[in-house]
Amino acid sequence: MIYALLDGWVVAKRNLIKIKRIPDLLVFSTLQPIMFVLLFAFVFGGAIPIPGVDYREYLMAGIFAQTVMFGSGITAIGLADDLQKGIIDRFRSLPMSRAAVLVGRTTSDLLNNLLVLVIMVICGLLVGWRTHTSPLEVAAGFLLLCAFGYAISWVAAVIGLTVSSVEVAQSAGLIWMFPVTFLSNAFISTTTLPEWLQPVANWNPFSAVVLALRDLWGNAPAAMARGEGFPADHPVLLSVLYILATLAIFVPLAISKYRKAAGR
């Protein structure tokens, strides 16, 4: 286990050096969430009333969660690229842990997400986002956010190791995220959705994480706009359960996919 972590850190540094040498990767991964912030805050913000909270404060939890989710999609592209270029075969010839490639890839993408989050915090503060809870609760919110992004990286890893090319990984790694993020409470209250869609949105893991962040940062809406049932009453607990379940399912699955992909 220790050797896997040490080898994984070596692979992570290799991936981070790539970002340093190609800064466009970081620039363009930051531009999209900034555009979403400006678009919803200044274009749609006045048309989307949320009882009990300023819309810009309501918005930022959703943007943060969307940012780490889309940022984690890079894992699929990176692994597909390594497979296509034969780098995975080179790793197999080295005396290193088989898990190191996946640990390194997901760790480097987590660190990349942290850099993007710093920029997003600055952007959020500039448009009027503020926290209203203790520093410990604020830190817990960011910790939950990073754990969520890390779990999504393992989902993306499975996709990247399954598809046949980088182009397919780019589409398959991101396309499923759009309905997940928009059929949620990220930008609107789920109570405004059709009645048959509300349970789907309320139980959406993305909605649980977003509402948990709002509670931890003091940006939660009034009770009438939170939704109903267990997801509305216990978003932090539900978020942790979703994250643990995702890791429990996709970490072993990614390792299995990696062994098959490396053996092609």
Protein backbone atom coordinates (compact mmCIF):
# COMPACT_ATOMS: atom_id res chain seq x y z
CA MET A 1 0.00 0.00 0.00
CA ILE A 2 2.80 2.41 0.95
CA TYR A 3 4.69 1.59 -2.25
CA ALA A 4 1.52 2.18 -4.28
CA LEU A 5 1.12 5.64 -2.72
CA LEU A 6 4.79 6.53 -3.26
CA ASP A 7 4.72 5.34 -6.86
CA GLY A 8 1.38 7.11 -7.33
CA TRP A 9 2.92 10.38 -6.17
CA VAL A 10 5.69 10.00 -8.76
CA VAL A 11 3.06 9.55 -11.49
CA ALA A 12 1.09 12.50 -10.09
CA LYS A 13 4.16 14.74 -10.33
CA ARG A 14 4.64 13.62 -13.90
CA ASN A 15 1.07 14.70 -14.73
CA LEU A 16 1.47 18.03 -12.89
CA ILE A 17 4.66 18.81 -14.82
CA LYS A 18 2.62 18.35 -18.00
CA ILE A 19 0.22 21.08 -16.82
CA LYS A 20 3.19 23.34 -16.04
CA ARG A 21 4.56 22.85 -19.54
CA ILE A 22 1.14 23.26 -21.17
CA PRO A 23 -0.53 26.04 -19.09
CA ASP A 24 -3.38 26.20 -21.62
CA LEU A 25 -4.84 23.15 -19.85
CA LEU A 26 -5.27 25.13 -16.63
CA VAL A 27 -6.39 28.31 -18.39
CA PHE A 28 -9.22 26.71 -20.34
CA SER A 29 -10.38 24.55 -17.42
CA THR A 30 -10.79 27.81 -15.48
CA LEU A 31 -12.49 29.90 -18.16
CA GLN A 32 -15.64 27.75 -18.36
CA PRO A 33 -16.67 28.04 -14.68
CA ILE A 34 -15.89 31.77 -14.71
CA MET A 35 -18.19 32.16 -17.71
CA PHE A 36 -20.94 30.24 -15.86
CA VAL A 37 -20.57 32.52 -12.83
CA LEU A 38 -20.82 35.70 -14.89
CA LEU A 39 -23.63 34.35 -17.05
CA PHE A 40 -25.90 33.21 -14.21
CA ALA A 41 -24.99 36.01 -11.80
CA PHE A 42 -25.50 38.92 -14.17
CA VAL A 43 -27.70 37.61 -17.01
CA PHE A 44 -30.10 35.11 -15.41
CA GLY A 45 -29.69 36.06 -11.75
CA GLY A 46 -32.41 38.69 -11.73
CA ALA A 47 -34.90 36.30 -13.30
CA ILE A 48 -34.39 33.42 -10.83
CA PRO A 49 -35.68 34.39 -7.38
CA ILE A 50 -34.67 32.10 -4.50
CA PRO A 51 -36.53 32.71 -1.20
CA GLY A 52 -34.33 33.42 1.80
CA VAL A 53 -30.97 33.95 0.10
CA ASP A 54 -29.24 36.19 -2.43
CA TYR A 55 -29.06 34.38 -5.76
CA ARG A 56 -25.33 34.94 -6.20
CA GLU A 57 -24.65 33.25 -2.88
CA TYR A 58 -27.06 30.47 -3.81
CA LEU A 59 -25.36 30.06 -7.17
CA MET A 60 -21.75 29.63 -6.06
CA ALA A 61 -22.14 26.24 -4.35
CA GLY A 62 -23.53 24.85 -7.60
CA ILE A 63 -20.73 26.42 -9.64
CA PHE A 64 -18.07 25.06 -7.29
CA ALA A 65 -19.52 21.54 -7.47
CA GLN A 66 -19.92 21.75 -11.25
CA THR A 67 -16.33 22.97 -11.59
CA VAL A 68 -14.78 20.03 -9.72
CA MET A 69 -17.08 17.59 -11.50
CA PHE A 70 -16.13 18.81 -14.97
CA GLY A 71 -12.49 19.13 -13.88
CA SER A 72 -12.50 15.50 -12.81
CA GLY A 73 -13.51 14.55 -16.34
CA ILE A 74 -9.90 15.25 -17.34
CA THR A 75 -9.04 11.88 -15.78
CA ALA A 76 -10.83 10.06 -18.59
CA ILE A 77 -9.02 12.06 -21.27
CA GLY A 78 -5.62 11.64 -19.61
CA LEU A 79 -5.88 7.88 -19.23
CA ALA A 80 -7.22 7.43 -22.77
CA ASP A 81 -4.33 9.54 -24.06
CA ASP A 82 -1.76 7.46 -22.14
CA LEU A 83 -3.27 4.26 -23.49
CA GLN A 84 -3.32 5.51 -27.06
CA LYS A 85 0.32 6.68 -26.92
CA GLY A 86 1.54 3.45 -25.34
CA ILE A 87 2.67 5.10 -22.10
CA ILE A 88 0.71 2.57 -20.05
CA ASP A 89 2.79 -0.18 -21.66
CA ARG A 90 5.96 1.64 -20.60
CA PHE A 91 4.66 1.88 -17.04
CA ARG A 92 4.03 -1.88 -17.05
CA SER A 93 7.70 -2.50 -17.80
CA LEU A 94 8.80 -0.54 -14.73
CA PRO A 95 9.11 -1.96 -11.18
CA MET A 96 6.12 -0.02 -9.87
CA SER A 97 2.75 -0.73 -8.33
CA ARG A 98 -0.07 -1.43 -10.79
CA ALA A 99 -2.32 0.92 -8.81
CA ALA A 100 0.19 3.79 -9.08
CA VAL A 101 -1.01 4.95 -12.50
CA LEU A 102 -4.60 5.35 -11.33
CA VAL A 103 -3.66 6.82 -7.94
CA GLY A 104 -1.29 9.27 -9.61
CA ARG A 105 -3.78 10.27 -12.28
CA THR A 106 -6.63 10.91 -9.85
CA THR A 107 -4.35 12.70 -7.37
CA SER A 108 -2.92 15.06 -9.97
CA ASP A 109 -6.41 15.90 -11.22
CA LEU A 110 -7.47 16.58 -7.62
CA LEU A 111 -4.56 19.02 -7.21
CA ASN A 112 -5.45 20.64 -10.52
CA ASN A 113 -9.00 21.09 -9.23
CA LEU A 114 -7.62 22.78 -6.11
CA LEU A 115 -5.82 25.36 -8.23
CA VAL A 116 -9.00 26.04 -10.18
CA LEU A 117 -11.00 26.32 -6.94
CA VAL A 118 -8.68 29.05 -5.66
CA ILE A 119 -9.43 31.08 -8.78
CA MET A 120 -13.13 30.34 -8.43
CA VAL A 121 -13.16 31.55 -4.81
CA ILE A 122 -11.65 34.86 -5.92
CA CYS A 123 -14.21 35.12 -8.73
CA GLY A 124 -17.06 34.31 -6.34
CA LEU A 125 -15.96 36.95 -3.86
CA LEU A 126 -15.82 39.52 -6.65
CA VAL A 127 -19.44 38.86 -7.71
CA GLY A 128 -20.74 39.02 -4.14
CA TRP A 129 -20.49 35.50 -2.71
CA ARG A 130 -19.87 35.34 1.03
CA THR A 131 -19.84 32.62 3.70
CA HIS A 132 -21.76 33.08 6.97
CA THR A 133 -20.56 30.19 9.10
CA SER A 134 -17.49 29.34 11.17
CA PRO A 135 -14.07 28.74 9.53
CA LEU A 136 -14.35 25.07 10.49
CA GLU A 137 -17.65 24.67 8.63
CA VAL A 138 -16.28 26.55 5.62
CA ALA A 139 -13.22 24.26 5.57
CA ALA A 140 -15.50 21.21 5.91
CA GLY A 141 -17.40 22.39 2.84
CA PHE A 142 -14.25 22.58 0.74
CA LEU A 143 -13.10 19.21 2.06
CA LEU A 144 -16.43 17.68 1.02
CA LEU A 145 -16.08 19.35 -2.37
CA CYS A 146 -12.61 17.87 -2.92
CA ALA A 147 -13.78 14.41 -1.82
CA PHE A 148 -16.65 14.64 -4.31
CA GLY A 149 -14.28 15.63 -7.11
CA TYR A 150 -11.92 12.78 -6.23
CA ALA A 151 -14.76 10.25 -6.32
CA ILE A 152 -15.87 11.53 -9.74
CA SER A 153 -12.28 11.12 -10.98
CA TRP A 154 -12.59 7.36 -10.42
CA VAL A 155 -15.82 7.31 -12.43
CA ALA A 156 -13.97 9.15 -15.21
CA ALA A 157 -11.08 6.69 -14.90
CA VAL A 158 -13.41 3.79 -15.72
CA ILE A 159 -14.68 5.68 -18.77
CA GLY A 160 -11.17 6.55 -19.95
CA LEU A 161 -10.03 2.94 -19.68
CA THR A 162 -13.12 1.63 -21.48
CA VAL A 163 -13.32 3.81 -24.60
CA SER A 164 -11.16 3.38 -27.69
CA SER A 165 -9.74 6.87 -28.25
CA VAL A 166 -9.11 10.28 -26.71
CA GLU A 167 -11.87 11.83 -28.80
CA VAL A 168 -14.43 9.36 -27.50
CA ALA A 169 -13.15 9.85 -23.93
CA GLN A 170 -13.62 13.59 -24.25
CA SER A 171 -17.26 13.15 -25.24
CA ALA A 172 -18.14 10.19 -23.02
CA GLY A 173 -16.34 11.67 -20.01
CA LEU A 174 -18.37 14.88 -20.09
CA ILE A 175 -21.71 14.26 -21.78
CA TRP A 176 -23.27 12.43 -18.81
CA MET A 177 -22.35 15.31 -16.49
CA PHE A 178 -24.69 17.80 -18.16
CA PRO A 179 -28.00 16.14 -17.19
CA VAL A 180 -26.61 15.37 -13.72
CA THR A 181 -25.65 19.00 -13.06
CA PHE A 182 -28.67 20.67 -14.65
CA LEU A 183 -31.29 18.24 -13.28
CA SER A 184 -30.40 19.38 -9.78
CA ASN A 185 -30.63 22.28 -7.37
CA ALA A 186 -27.41 23.88 -8.67
CA PHE A 187 -29.04 26.80 -10.46
CA ILE A 188 -32.71 26.65 -9.47
CA SER A 189 -34.83 25.32 -6.65
CA THR A 190 -36.03 21.78 -7.32
CA THR A 191 -39.50 22.87 -6.18
CA THR A 192 -39.88 24.69 -9.53
CA LEU A 193 -39.50 21.45 -11.50
CA PRO A 194 -42.46 19.30 -12.61
CA GLU A 195 -43.70 17.23 -9.70
CA TRP A 196 -42.57 13.91 -11.23
CA LEU A 197 -39.02 15.24 -11.68
CA GLN A 198 -38.61 16.65 -8.19
CA PRO A 199 -37.73 13.33 -6.46
CA VAL A 200 -35.15 12.62 -9.17
CA ALA A 201 -33.52 16.01 -8.65
CA ASN A 202 -33.72 15.82 -4.85
CA TRP A 203 -32.04 12.40 -4.71
CA ASN A 204 -29.47 13.36 -7.33
CA PRO A 205 -25.99 12.98 -5.66
CA PHE A 206 -24.99 16.31 -7.19
CA SER A 207 -27.96 18.01 -5.50
CA ALA A 208 -26.98 16.49 -2.15
CA VAL A 209 -23.44 17.86 -2.43
CA VAL A 210 -24.62 21.31 -3.51
CA LEU A 211 -27.15 21.60 -0.67
CA ALA A 212 -24.55 20.34 1.81
CA LEU A 213 -22.17 23.09 0.68
CA ARG A 214 -24.88 25.71 1.08
CA ASP A 215 -25.61 24.52 4.61
CA LEU A 216 -21.92 24.45 5.55
CA TRP A 217 -21.31 27.92 4.09
CA GLY A 218 -24.53 29.57 5.27
CA ASN A 219 -25.94 30.04 1.77
CA ALA A 220 -28.97 27.76 2.16
CA PRO A 221 -32.37 28.91 0.86
CA ALA A 222 -35.57 29.10 2.88
CA ALA A 223 -37.28 25.82 3.79
CA MET A 224 -39.82 26.18 0.98
CA ALA A 225 -37.00 26.11 -1.62
CA ARG A 226 -34.93 23.23 -0.18
CA GLY A 227 -36.99 20.33 -1.43
CA GLU A 228 -38.51 17.61 0.71
CA GLY A 229 -37.61 14.42 2.52
CA PHE A 230 -34.32 12.93 3.65
CA PRO A 231 -32.16 14.70 1.00
CA ALA A 232 -33.36 18.11 2.20
CA ASP A 233 -32.97 17.27 5.90
CA HIS A 234 -29.59 15.48 5.83
CA PRO A 235 -27.61 16.66 2.79
CA VAL A 236 -24.16 16.36 4.43
CA LEU A 237 -24.74 12.77 5.56
CA LEU A 238 -26.21 11.82 2.18
CA SER A 239 -23.26 13.42 0.36
CA VAL A 240 -20.74 11.44 2.40
CA LEU A 241 -22.66 8.22 1.75
CA TYR A 242 -22.78 8.92 -1.98
CA ILE A 243 -19.02 9.64 -2.08
CA LEU A 244 -18.14 6.47 -0.16
CA ALA A 245 -20.47 4.37 -2.35
CA THR A 246 -18.94 5.83 -5.52
CA LEU A 247 -15.41 5.03 -4.35
CA ALA A 248 -16.41 1.55 -3.22
CA ILE A 249 -17.86 0.77 -6.66
CA PHE A 250 -15.53 2.55 -9.06
CA VAL A 251 -12.08 2.12 -7.47
CA PRO A 252 -12.14 -1.71 -7.85
CA LEU A 253 -13.82 -1.35 -11.23
CA ALA A 254 -11.15 1.08 -12.45
CA ILE A 255 -8.36 -1.24 -11.26
CA SER A 256 -9.99 -4.14 -13.09
CA LYS A 257 -10.38 -2.06 -16.26
CA TYR A 258 -6.76 -0.95 -16.00
CA ARG A 259 -5.51 -4.53 -15.85
CA LYS A 260 -7.54 -5.44 -18.92
CA ALA A 261 -6.55 -2.28 -20.81
CA ALA A 262 -2.88 -2.72 -19.99
CA GLY A 263 -3.04 -6.27 -21.25
CA ARG A 264 -4.42 -5.42 -24.69
